Each structure stands twice: as structure tokens, then as C-alpha cells.
């Protein structure tokens, strides 16, 4: 039973922190982050796969930054910035034009 518990994936907890993405898209984006984090819990692979998913769903030029602690100042397309807490990781997403 102990080995089973160790191999069982932990539930992914995502929470919107701030940003200017329209309310109607936030739920979908949070679902996408949670879905990707289930299979890519490490920062590097989460970053790559989340960018691929956002580009596929919402059109290209998404930028994704994932880490435990960072600060930023970015220029982004209006209505495309989001800062999300995903388990112990911070996830920043935004679109930067072509």
C-alpha cells in the first residue's frame, strides 16, 4: 500500500492570481494548466507543453515562464497576461506579437 501511495499522482491545484485575460477564458486556461501539469509536473516540461497547448488552442506567440520564485516586467498583447499558481510553481503566460 505504501508503494501505491508513492506512485499515485498528487492532485493538481491551480489558482488564478492576477492578469488581464478576459474572465470568460480564465476557466479554460486553468483547466489547460491543470491538465498539462498532471502529466508534466516538472517546470521545464510543463513550460514546453503548456506553450504548445496554448499555441494550439489560442493561436501562436504565447510565452510561458514557470518557476518557484521569479519576478518580471514584460510587454504583452492587451488581454493576454496571466499569473497562475500551480501546486508549488508559479506560471506566467502572455502573448507577445509576431
PDB file of N, CA and C in Angstrom:
ATOM      1  N   UNK A   1       0.830  -1.191   0.000  1.00  0.00           N
ATOM      2  CA  UNK A   1       0.000   0.000   0.000  1.00  0.00           C
ATOM      3  C   UNK A   1       0.874   1.253   0.000  1.00  0.00           C
ATOM      4  N   UNK A   2       2.019   1.212   0.661  1.00  0.00           N
ATOM      5  CA  UNK A   2       2.903   2.370   0.722  1.00  0.00           C
ATOM      6  C   UNK A   2       3.477   2.687  -0.659  1.00  0.00           C
ATOM      7  N   UNK A   3       3.866   1.665  -1.416  1.00  0.00           N
ATOM      8  CA  UNK A   3       4.397   1.864  -2.764  1.00  0.00           C
ATOM      9  C   UNK A   3       3.329   2.448  -3.678  1.00  0.00           C
ATOM     10  N   UNK A   4       2.082   1.970  -3.540  1.00  0.00           N
ATOM     11  CA  UNK A   4       0.981   2.507  -4.343  1.00  0.00           C
ATOM     12  C   UNK A   4       0.786   3.984  -4.075  1.00  0.00           C
ATOM     13  N   UNK A   5       0.822   4.361  -2.812  1.00  0.00           N
ATOM     14  CA  UNK A   5       0.640   5.771  -2.445  1.00  0.00           C
ATOM     15  C   UNK A   5       1.762   6.627  -3.004  1.00  0.00           C
ATOM     16  N   UNK A   6       2.982   6.101  -3.012  1.00  0.00           N
ATOM     17  CA  UNK A   6       4.124   6.855  -3.535  1.00  0.00           C
ATOM     18  C   UNK A   6       4.009   7.073  -5.041  1.00  0.00           C
ATOM     19  N   UNK A   7       3.456   6.107  -5.755  1.00  0.00           N
ATOM     20  CA  UNK A   7       3.333   6.207  -7.215  1.00  0.00           C
ATOM     21  C   UNK A   7       2.081   6.952  -7.666  1.00  0.00           C
ATOM     22  N   UNK A   8       1.130   7.136  -6.777  1.00  0.00           N
ATOM     23  CA  UNK A   8      -0.121   7.799  -7.139  1.00  0.00           C
ATOM     24  C   UNK A   8       0.130   9.292  -7.364  1.00  0.00           C
ATOM     25  N   UNK A   9      -0.303   9.825  -8.514  1.00  0.00           N
ATOM     26  CA  UNK A   9      -0.065  11.241  -8.780  1.00  0.00           C
ATOM     27  C   UNK A   9      -0.847  12.126  -7.797  1.00  0.00           C
ATOM     28  N   UNK A  10      -0.199  13.204  -7.369  1.00  0.00           N
ATOM     29  CA  UNK A  10      -0.873  14.152  -6.488  1.00  0.00           C
ATOM     30  C   UNK A  10      -1.844  14.980  -7.301  1.00  0.00           C
ATOM     31  N   UNK A  11      -2.964  15.354  -6.689  1.00  0.00           N
ATOM     32  CA  UNK A  11      -3.896  16.207  -7.431  1.00  0.00           C
ATOM     33  C   UNK A  11      -3.254  17.562  -7.732  1.00  0.00           C
ATOM     34  N   UNK A  12      -3.584  18.093  -8.879  1.00  0.00           N
ATOM     35  CA  UNK A  12      -3.042  19.384  -9.290  1.00  0.00           C
ATOM     36  C   UNK A  12      -3.984  20.472  -8.797  1.00  0.00           C
ATOM     37  N   UNK A  13      -3.421  21.444  -8.112  1.00  0.00           N
ATOM     38  CA  UNK A  13      -4.195  22.580  -7.619  1.00  0.00           C
ATOM     39  C   UNK A  13      -3.752  23.825  -8.372  1.00  0.00           C
ATOM     40  N   UNK A  14      -4.668  24.436  -9.102  1.00  0.00           N
ATOM     41  CA  UNK A  14      -4.356  25.665  -9.832  1.00  0.00           C
ATOM     42  C   UNK A  14      -5.242  26.787  -9.308  1.00  0.00           C
ATOM     43  N   UNK A  15      -4.663  27.979  -9.267  1.00  0.00           N
ATOM     44  CA  UNK A  15      -5.414  29.137  -8.781  1.00  0.00           C
ATOM     45  C   UNK A  15      -4.989  30.376  -9.549  1.00  0.00           C
ATOM     46  N   UNK A  16      -5.976  31.102 -10.060  1.00  0.00           N
ATOM     47  CA  UNK A  16      -5.725  32.350 -10.766  1.00  0.00           C
ATOM     48  C   UNK A  16      -5.232  33.370  -9.755  1.00  0.00           C
ATOM     49  N   UNK A  17      -4.130  34.031 -10.047  1.00  0.00           N
ATOM     50  CA  UNK A  17      -3.587  35.052  -9.150  1.00  0.00           C
ATOM     51  C   UNK A  17      -3.902  36.461  -9.642  1.00  0.00           C
ATOM     52  N   UNK A  18      -3.535  36.740 -10.887  1.00  0.00           N
ATOM     53  CA  UNK A  18      -3.806  38.057 -11.463  1.00  0.00           C
ATOM     54  C   UNK A  18      -3.561  38.026 -12.965  1.00  0.00           C
ATOM     55  N   UNK A  19      -4.019  39.071 -13.614  1.00  0.00           N
ATOM     56  CA  UNK A  19      -3.809  39.179 -15.047  1.00  0.00           C
ATOM     57  C   UNK A  19      -4.968  39.905 -15.703  1.00  0.00           C
ATOM     58  N   UNK A  20      -4.847  40.118 -17.007  1.00  0.00           N
ATOM     59  CA  UNK A  20      -5.893  40.846 -17.724  1.00  0.00           C
ATOM     60  C   UNK A  20      -6.607  39.985 -18.765  1.00  0.00           C
ATOM     61  N   UNK A  21      -6.454  38.660 -18.677  1.00  0.00           N
ATOM     62  CA  UNK A  21      -7.181  37.764 -19.573  1.00  0.00           C
ATOM     63  C   UNK A  21      -8.656  37.828 -19.211  1.00  0.00           C
ATOM     64  N   UNK A  22      -9.503  37.894 -20.222  1.00  0.00           N
ATOM     65  CA  UNK A  22     -10.947  38.000 -20.003  1.00  0.00           C
ATOM     66  C   UNK A  22     -11.461  36.861 -19.119  1.00  0.00           C
ATOM     67  N   UNK A  23     -12.371  37.192 -18.238  1.00  0.00           N
ATOM     68  CA  UNK A  23     -12.959  36.237 -17.299  1.00  0.00           C
ATOM     69  C   UNK A  23     -13.468  34.981 -18.005  1.00  0.00           C
ATOM     70  N   UNK A  24     -14.041  35.151 -19.191  1.00  0.00           N
ATOM     71  CA  UNK A  24     -14.626  34.017 -19.916  1.00  0.00           C
ATOM     72  C   UNK A  24     -13.588  32.975 -20.355  1.00  0.00           C
ATOM     73  N   UNK A  25     -12.314  33.353 -20.436  1.00  0.00           N
ATOM     74  CA  UNK A  25     -11.268  32.421 -20.852  1.00  0.00           C
ATOM     75  C   UNK A  25     -10.485  31.842 -19.677  1.00  0.00           C
ATOM     76  N   UNK A  26     -10.588  32.439 -18.512  1.00  0.00           N
ATOM     77  CA  UNK A  26      -9.775  32.016 -17.370  1.00  0.00           C
ATOM     78  C   UNK A  26     -10.016  30.567 -16.980  1.00  0.00           C
ATOM     79  N   UNK A  27     -11.261  30.145 -16.935  1.00  0.00           N
ATOM     80  CA  UNK A  27     -11.573  28.763 -16.566  1.00  0.00           C
ATOM     81  C   UNK A  27     -10.938  27.771 -17.517  1.00  0.00           C
ATOM     82  N   UNK A  28     -11.032  28.048 -18.797  1.00  0.00           N
ATOM     83  CA  UNK A  28     -10.446  27.172 -19.809  1.00  0.00           C
ATOM     84  C   UNK A  28      -8.925  27.126 -19.679  1.00  0.00           C
ATOM     85  N   UNK A  29      -8.320  28.268 -19.421  1.00  0.00           N
ATOM     86  CA  UNK A  29      -6.870  28.318 -19.268  1.00  0.00           C
ATOM     87  C   UNK A  29      -6.442  27.570 -18.012  1.00  0.00           C
ATOM     88  N   UNK A  30      -7.166  27.731 -16.912  1.00  0.00           N
ATOM     89  CA  UNK A  30      -6.852  26.998 -15.685  1.00  0.00           C
ATOM     90  C   UNK A  30      -6.976  25.492 -15.906  1.00  0.00           C
ATOM     91  N   UNK A  31      -7.996  25.074 -16.644  1.00  0.00           N
ATOM     92  CA  UNK A  31      -8.159  23.647 -16.968  1.00  0.00           C
ATOM     93  C   UNK A  31      -6.980  23.141 -17.795  1.00  0.00           C
ATOM     94  N   UNK A  32      -6.535  23.943 -18.749  1.00  0.00           N
ATOM     95  CA  UNK A  32      -5.401  23.566 -19.585  1.00  0.00           C
ATOM     96  C   UNK A  32      -4.138  23.428 -18.744  1.00  0.00           C
ATOM     97  N   UNK A  33      -3.906  24.386 -17.848  1.00  0.00           N
ATOM     98  CA  UNK A  33      -2.723  24.316 -16.974  1.00  0.00           C
ATOM     99  C   UNK A  33      -2.791  23.052 -16.116  1.00  0.00           C
ATOM    100  N   UNK A  34      -3.937  22.777 -15.521  1.00  0.00           N
ATOM    101  CA  UNK A  34      -4.092  21.593 -14.665  1.00  0.00           C
ATOM    102  C   UNK A  34      -3.875  20.309 -15.458  1.00  0.00           C
ATOM    103  N   UNK A  35      -4.455  20.228 -16.652  1.00  0.00           N
ATOM    104  CA  UNK A  35      -4.325  19.038 -17.486  1.00  0.00           C
ATOM    105  C   UNK A  35      -2.856  18.781 -17.843  1.00  0.00           C
ATOM    106  N   UNK A  36      -2.162  19.820 -18.254  1.00  0.00           N
ATOM    107  CA  UNK A  36      -0.759  19.677 -18.631  1.00  0.00           C
ATOM    108  C   UNK A  36       0.090  19.325 -17.404  1.00  0.00           C
ATOM    109  N   UNK A  37      -0.196  19.943 -16.267  1.00  0.00           N
ATOM    110  CA  UNK A  37       0.592  19.692 -15.046  1.00  0.00           C
ATOM    111  C   UNK A  37       0.434  18.268 -14.532  1.00  0.00           C
ATOM    112  N   UNK A  38      -0.681  17.625 -14.842  1.00  0.00           N
ATOM    113  CA  UNK A  38      -0.876  16.237 -14.415  1.00  0.00           C
ATOM    114  C   UNK A  38       0.180  15.321 -15.022  1.00  0.00           C
ATOM    115  N   UNK A  39       0.520  15.549 -16.266  1.00  0.00           N
ATOM    116  CA  UNK A  39       1.476  14.684 -16.951  1.00  0.00           C
ATOM    117  C   UNK A  39       2.871  15.299 -17.068  1.00  0.00           C
ATOM    118  N   UNK A  40       3.007  16.587 -16.756  1.00  0.00           N
ATOM    119  CA  UNK A  40       4.293  17.287 -16.838  1.00  0.00           C
ATOM    120  C   UNK A  40       4.495  18.124 -15.570  1.00  0.00           C
ATOM    121  N   UNK A  41       4.738  17.482 -14.423  1.00  0.00           N
ATOM    122  CA  UNK A  41       4.824  18.218 -13.161  1.00  0.00           C
ATOM    123  C   UNK A  41       6.113  19.032 -12.977  1.00  0.00           C
ATOM    124  N   UNK A  42       7.139  18.724 -13.742  1.00  0.00           N
ATOM    125  CA  UNK A  42       8.402  19.460 -13.615  1.00  0.00           C
ATOM    126  C   UNK A  42       8.346  20.755 -14.420  1.00  0.00           C
ATOM    127  N   UNK A  43       9.019  21.788 -13.928  1.00  0.00           N
ATOM    128  CA  UNK A  43       8.940  23.123 -14.529  1.00  0.00           C
ATOM    129  C   UNK A  43       9.310  23.139 -16.010  1.00  0.00           C
ATOM    130  N   UNK A  44      10.407  22.486 -16.391  1.00  0.00           N
ATOM    131  CA  UNK A  44      10.860  22.532 -17.787  1.00  0.00           C
ATOM    132  C   UNK A  44       9.839  21.918 -18.743  1.00  0.00           C
ATOM    133  N   UNK A  45       9.381  20.715 -18.417  1.00  0.00           N
ATOM    134  CA  UNK A  45       8.434  20.061 -19.326  1.00  0.00           C
ATOM    135  C   UNK A  45       7.066  20.731 -19.277  1.00  0.00           C
ATOM    136  N   UNK A  46       6.673  21.264 -18.123  1.00  0.00           N
ATOM    137  CA  UNK A  46       5.411  21.998 -18.027  1.00  0.00           C
ATOM    138  C   UNK A  46       5.453  23.236 -18.916  1.00  0.00           C
ATOM    139  N   UNK A  47       6.570  23.935 -18.893  1.00  0.00           N
ATOM    140  CA  UNK A  47       6.728  25.136 -19.724  1.00  0.00           C
ATOM    141  C   UNK A  47       6.551  24.807 -21.204  1.00  0.00           C
ATOM    142  N   UNK A  48       7.279  23.811 -21.681  1.00  0.00           N
ATOM    143  CA  UNK A  48       7.223  23.449 -23.105  1.00  0.00           C
ATOM    144  C   UNK A  48       5.825  22.996 -23.525  1.00  0.00           C
ATOM    145  N   UNK A  49       5.247  22.083 -22.759  1.00  0.00           N
ATOM    146  CA  UNK A  49       3.955  21.523 -23.154  1.00  0.00           C
ATOM    147  C   UNK A  49       2.830  22.545 -23.025  1.00  0.00           C
ATOM    148  N   UNK A  50       2.880  23.393 -22.002  1.00  0.00           N
ATOM    149  CA  UNK A  50       1.848  24.416 -21.856  1.00  0.00           C
ATOM    150  C   UNK A  50       1.903  25.413 -23.002  1.00  0.00           C
ATOM    151  N   UNK A  51       3.103  25.807 -23.420  1.00  0.00           N
ATOM    152  CA  UNK A  51       3.229  26.700 -24.578  1.00  0.00           C
ATOM    153  C   UNK A  51       2.642  26.045 -25.824  1.00  0.00           C
ATOM    154  N   UNK A  52       2.962  24.774 -26.044  1.00  0.00           N
ATOM    155  CA  UNK A  52       2.418  24.064 -27.203  1.00  0.00           C
ATOM    156  C   UNK A  52       0.891  24.036 -27.172  1.00  0.00           C
ATOM    157  N   UNK A  53       0.324  23.758 -26.006  1.00  0.00           N
ATOM    158  CA  UNK A  53      -1.141  23.697 -25.881  1.00  0.00           C
ATOM    159  C   UNK A  53      -1.779  25.070 -26.104  1.00  0.00           C
ATOM    160  N   UNK A  54      -1.228  26.120 -25.492  1.00  0.00           N
ATOM    161  CA  UNK A  54      -1.792  27.466 -25.661  1.00  0.00           C
ATOM    162  C   UNK A  54      -1.698  27.914 -27.117  1.00  0.00           C
ATOM    163  N   UNK A  55      -0.562  27.641 -27.768  1.00  0.00           N
ATOM    164  CA  UNK A  55      -0.410  27.988 -29.185  1.00  0.00           C
ATOM    165  C   UNK A  55      -1.443  27.248 -30.035  1.00  0.00           C
ATOM    166  N   UNK A  56      -1.706  25.995 -29.717  1.00  0.00           N
ATOM    167  CA  UNK A  56      -2.661  25.195 -30.492  1.00  0.00           C
ATOM    168  C   UNK A  56      -4.101  25.661 -30.261  1.00  0.00           C
ATOM    169  N   UNK A  57      -4.434  25.997 -29.041  1.00  0.00           N
ATOM    170  CA  UNK A  57      -5.821  26.364 -28.711  1.00  0.00           C
ATOM    171  C   UNK A  57      -6.129  27.821 -29.060  1.00  0.00           C
ATOM    172  N   UNK A  58      -5.216  28.729 -28.709  1.00  0.00           N
ATOM    173  CA  UNK A  58      -5.499  30.171 -28.812  1.00  0.00           C
ATOM    174  C   UNK A  58      -4.664  30.894 -29.860  1.00  0.00           C
ATOM    175  N   UNK A  59      -4.003  30.193 -30.741  1.00  0.00           N
ATOM    176  CA  UNK A  59      -3.137  30.763 -31.789  1.00  0.00           C
ATOM    177  C   UNK A  59      -1.758  31.080 -31.221  1.00  0.00           C
ATOM    178  N   UNK A  60      -0.746  31.083 -32.089  1.00  0.00           N
ATOM    179  CA  UNK A  60       0.657  31.187 -31.648  1.00  0.00           C
ATOM    180  C   UNK A  60       1.048  32.507 -30.989  1.00  0.00           C
ATOM    181  N   UNK A  61       2.262  32.500 -30.573  1.00  0.00           N
ATOM    182  CA  UNK A  61       3.064  33.547 -29.937  1.00  0.00           C
ATOM    183  C   UNK A  61       2.867  33.634 -28.422  1.00  0.00           C
ATOM    184  N   UNK A  62       2.410  32.556 -27.777  1.00  0.00           N
ATOM    185  CA  UNK A  62       2.333  32.540 -26.319  1.00  0.00           C
ATOM    186  C   UNK A  62       3.728  32.336 -25.743  1.00  0.00           C
ATOM    187  N   UNK A  63       3.981  33.002 -24.650  1.00  0.00           N
ATOM    188  CA  UNK A  63       5.222  32.836 -23.897  1.00  0.00           C
ATOM    189  C   UNK A  63       4.830  32.285 -22.529  1.00  0.00           C
ATOM    190  N   UNK A  64       5.609  31.359 -22.015  1.00  0.00           N
ATOM    191  CA  UNK A  64       5.309  30.708 -20.743  1.00  0.00           C
ATOM    192  C   UNK A  64       6.578  30.697 -19.893  1.00  0.00           C
ATOM    193  N   UNK A  65       6.442  31.147 -18.649  1.00  0.00           N
ATOM    194  CA  UNK A  65       7.538  31.122 -17.687  1.00  0.00           C
ATOM    195  C   UNK A  65       7.028  30.367 -16.469  1.00  0.00           C
ATOM    196  N   UNK A  66       7.786  29.366 -16.033  1.00  0.00           N
ATOM    197  CA  UNK A  66       7.392  28.553 -14.880  1.00  0.00           C
ATOM    198  C   UNK A  66       8.571  28.478 -13.922  1.00  0.00           C
ATOM    199  N   UNK A  67       8.302  28.664 -12.644  1.00  0.00           N
ATOM    200  CA  UNK A  67       9.364  28.550 -11.648  1.00  0.00           C
ATOM    201  C   UNK A  67       8.813  28.660 -10.245  1.00  0.00           C
ATOM    202  N   UNK A  68       9.685  28.468  -9.280  1.00  0.00           N
ATOM    203  CA  UNK A  68       9.264  28.568  -7.878  1.00  0.00           C
ATOM    204  C   UNK A  68       9.296  29.999  -7.382  1.00  0.00           C
ATOM    205  N   UNK A  69      10.195  30.804  -7.922  1.00  0.00           N
ATOM    206  CA  UNK A  69      10.315  32.181  -7.466  1.00  0.00           C
ATOM    207  C   UNK A  69      10.943  33.018  -8.568  1.00  0.00           C
ATOM    208  N   UNK A  70      10.231  34.022  -9.043  1.00  0.00           N
ATOM    209  CA  UNK A  70      10.787  34.924 -10.037  1.00  0.00           C
ATOM    210  C   UNK A  70       9.972  36.206 -10.049  1.00  0.00           C
ATOM    211  N   UNK A  71      10.517  37.229 -10.626  1.00  0.00           N
ATOM    212  CA  UNK A  71       9.771  38.461 -10.849  1.00  0.00           C
ATOM    213  C   UNK A  71       9.941  38.816 -12.316  1.00  0.00           C
ATOM    214  N   UNK A  72       9.083  39.704 -12.793  1.00  0.00           N
ATOM    215  CA  UNK A  72       9.158  40.009 -14.219  1.00  0.00           C
ATOM    216  C   UNK A  72       8.574  41.381 -14.509  1.00  0.00           C
ATOM    217  N   UNK A  73       8.927  41.862 -15.662  1.00  0.00           N
ATOM    218  CA  UNK A  73       8.330  43.042 -16.246  1.00  0.00           C
ATOM    219  C   UNK A  73       8.297  42.751 -17.733  1.00  0.00           C
ATOM    220  N   UNK A  74       7.117  42.535 -18.286  1.00  0.00           N
ATOM    221  CA  UNK A  74       7.015  42.150 -19.692  1.00  0.00           C
ATOM    222  C   UNK A  74       6.030  43.042 -20.432  1.00  0.00           C
ATOM    223  N   UNK A  75       6.265  43.183 -21.713  1.00  0.00           N
ATOM    224  CA  UNK A  75       5.312  43.838 -22.595  1.00  0.00           C
ATOM    225  C   UNK A  75       4.522  42.732 -23.281  1.00  0.00           C
ATOM    226  N   UNK A  76       3.205  42.867 -23.288  1.00  0.00           N
ATOM    227  CA  UNK A  76       2.364  41.803 -23.833  1.00  0.00           C
ATOM    228  C   UNK A  76       1.170  42.408 -24.557  1.00  0.00           C
ATOM    229  N   UNK A  77       0.525  41.569 -25.354  1.00  0.00           N
ATOM    230  CA  UNK A  77      -0.697  41.998 -26.024  1.00  0.00           C
ATOM    231  C   UNK A  77      -1.782  42.189 -24.977  1.00  0.00           C
ATOM    232  N   UNK A  78      -2.545  43.254 -25.111  1.00  0.00           N
ATOM    233  CA  UNK A  78      -3.621  43.546 -24.165  1.00  0.00           C
ATOM    234  C   UNK A  78      -4.568  42.346 -24.063  1.00  0.00           C
ATOM    235  N   UNK A  79      -4.922  41.989 -22.847  1.00  0.00           N
ATOM    236  CA  UNK A  79      -5.857  40.894 -22.629  1.00  0.00           C
ATOM    237  C   UNK A  79      -5.240  39.516 -22.699  1.00  0.00           C
ATOM    238  N   UNK A  80      -3.906  39.428 -22.579  1.00  0.00           N
ATOM    239  CA  UNK A  80      -3.275  38.114 -22.724  1.00  0.00           C
ATOM    240  C   UNK A  80      -2.354  37.732 -21.572  1.00  0.00           C
ATOM    241  N   UNK A  81      -2.309  38.517 -20.511  1.00  0.00           N
ATOM    242  CA  UNK A  81      -1.389  38.231 -19.409  1.00  0.00           C
ATOM    243  C   UNK A  81      -2.099  37.485 -18.289  1.00  0.00           C
ATOM    244  N   UNK A  82      -1.452  36.423 -17.803  1.00  0.00           N
ATOM    245  CA  UNK A  82      -1.996  35.693 -16.664  1.00  0.00           C
ATOM    246  C   UNK A  82      -0.897  35.175 -15.769  1.00  0.00           C
ATOM    247  N   UNK A  83      -1.134  35.252 -14.462  1.00  0.00           N
ATOM    248  CA  UNK A  83      -0.212  34.727 -13.469  1.00  0.00           C
ATOM    249  C   UNK A  83      -1.000  33.730 -12.635  1.00  0.00           C
ATOM    250  N   UNK A  84      -0.555  32.472 -12.621  1.00  0.00           N
ATOM    251  CA  UNK A  84      -1.309  31.359 -12.046  1.00  0.00           C
ATOM    252  C   UNK A  84      -0.426  30.598 -11.074  1.00  0.00           C
ATOM    253  N   UNK A  85      -0.989  30.186  -9.950  1.00  0.00           N
ATOM    254  CA  UNK A  85      -0.287  29.297  -9.016  1.00  0.00           C
ATOM    255  C   UNK A  85      -0.685  27.877  -9.359  1.00  0.00           C
ATOM    256  N   UNK A  86       0.290  27.005  -9.563  1.00  0.00           N
ATOM    257  CA  UNK A  86       0.044  25.602  -9.901  1.00  0.00           C
ATOM    258  C   UNK A  86       0.856  24.745  -8.949  1.00  0.00           C
ATOM    259  N   UNK A  87       0.183  24.156  -7.951  1.00  0.00           N
ATOM    260  CA  UNK A  87       0.871  23.457  -6.868  1.00  0.00           C
ATOM    261  C   UNK A  87       1.922  24.397  -6.284  1.00  0.00           C
ATOM    262  N   UNK A  88       3.183  24.031  -6.309  1.00  0.00           N
ATOM    263  CA  UNK A  88       4.246  24.863  -5.733  1.00  0.00           C
ATOM    264  C   UNK A  88       4.925  25.762  -6.772  1.00  0.00           C
ATOM    265  N   UNK A  89       4.408  25.764  -8.000  1.00  0.00           N
ATOM    266  CA  UNK A  89       5.030  26.535  -9.069  1.00  0.00           C
ATOM    267  C   UNK A  89       4.202  27.758  -9.448  1.00  0.00           C
ATOM    268  N   UNK A  90       4.891  28.815  -9.826  1.00  0.00           N
ATOM    269  CA  UNK A  90       4.245  29.985 -10.399  1.00  0.00           C
ATOM    270  C   UNK A  90       4.309  29.852 -11.911  1.00  0.00           C
ATOM    271  N   UNK A  91       3.201  30.172 -12.584  1.00  0.00           N
ATOM    272  CA  UNK A  91       3.120  30.068 -14.037  1.00  0.00           C
ATOM    273  C   UNK A  91       2.696  31.429 -14.583  1.00  0.00           C
ATOM    274  N   UNK A  92       3.534  32.019 -15.416  1.00  0.00           N
ATOM    275  CA  UNK A  92       3.211  33.279 -16.060  1.00  0.00           C
ATOM    276  C   UNK A  92       3.039  33.005 -17.547  1.00  0.00           C
ATOM    277  N   UNK A  93       1.899  33.452 -18.081  1.00  0.00           N
ATOM    278  CA  UNK A  93       1.652  33.289 -19.519  1.00  0.00           C
ATOM    279  C   UNK A  93       1.290  34.651 -20.105  1.00  0.00           C
ATOM    280  N   UNK A  94       1.704  34.849 -21.343  1.00  0.00           N
ATOM    281  CA  UNK A  94       1.337  36.074 -22.051  1.00  0.00           C
ATOM    282  C   UNK A  94       1.616  35.901 -23.533  1.00  0.00           C
ATOM    283  N   UNK A  95       0.943  36.714 -24.315  1.00  0.00           N
ATOM    284  CA  UNK A  95       1.206  36.709 -25.758  1.00  0.00           C
ATOM    285  C   UNK A  95       2.075  37.894 -26.113  1.00  0.00           C
ATOM    286  N   UNK A  96       3.045  37.643 -26.940  1.00  0.00           N
ATOM    287  CA  UNK A  96       3.894  38.702 -27.480  1.00  0.00           C
ATOM    288  C   UNK A  96       3.770  38.601 -28.983  1.00  0.00           C
ATOM    289  N   UNK A  97       3.392  39.680 -29.625  1.00  0.00           N
ATOM    290  CA  UNK A  97       3.098  39.696 -31.056  1.00  0.00           C
ATOM    291  C   UNK A  97       4.120  39.018 -31.942  1.00  0.00           C
ATOM    292  N   UNK A  98       3.728  38.815 -33.186  1.00  0.00           N
ATOM    293  CA  UNK A  98       4.576  38.132 -34.174  1.00  0.00           C
ATOM    294  C   UNK A  98       5.833  38.893 -34.471  1.00  0.00           C
TER     295      UNK A  98
END
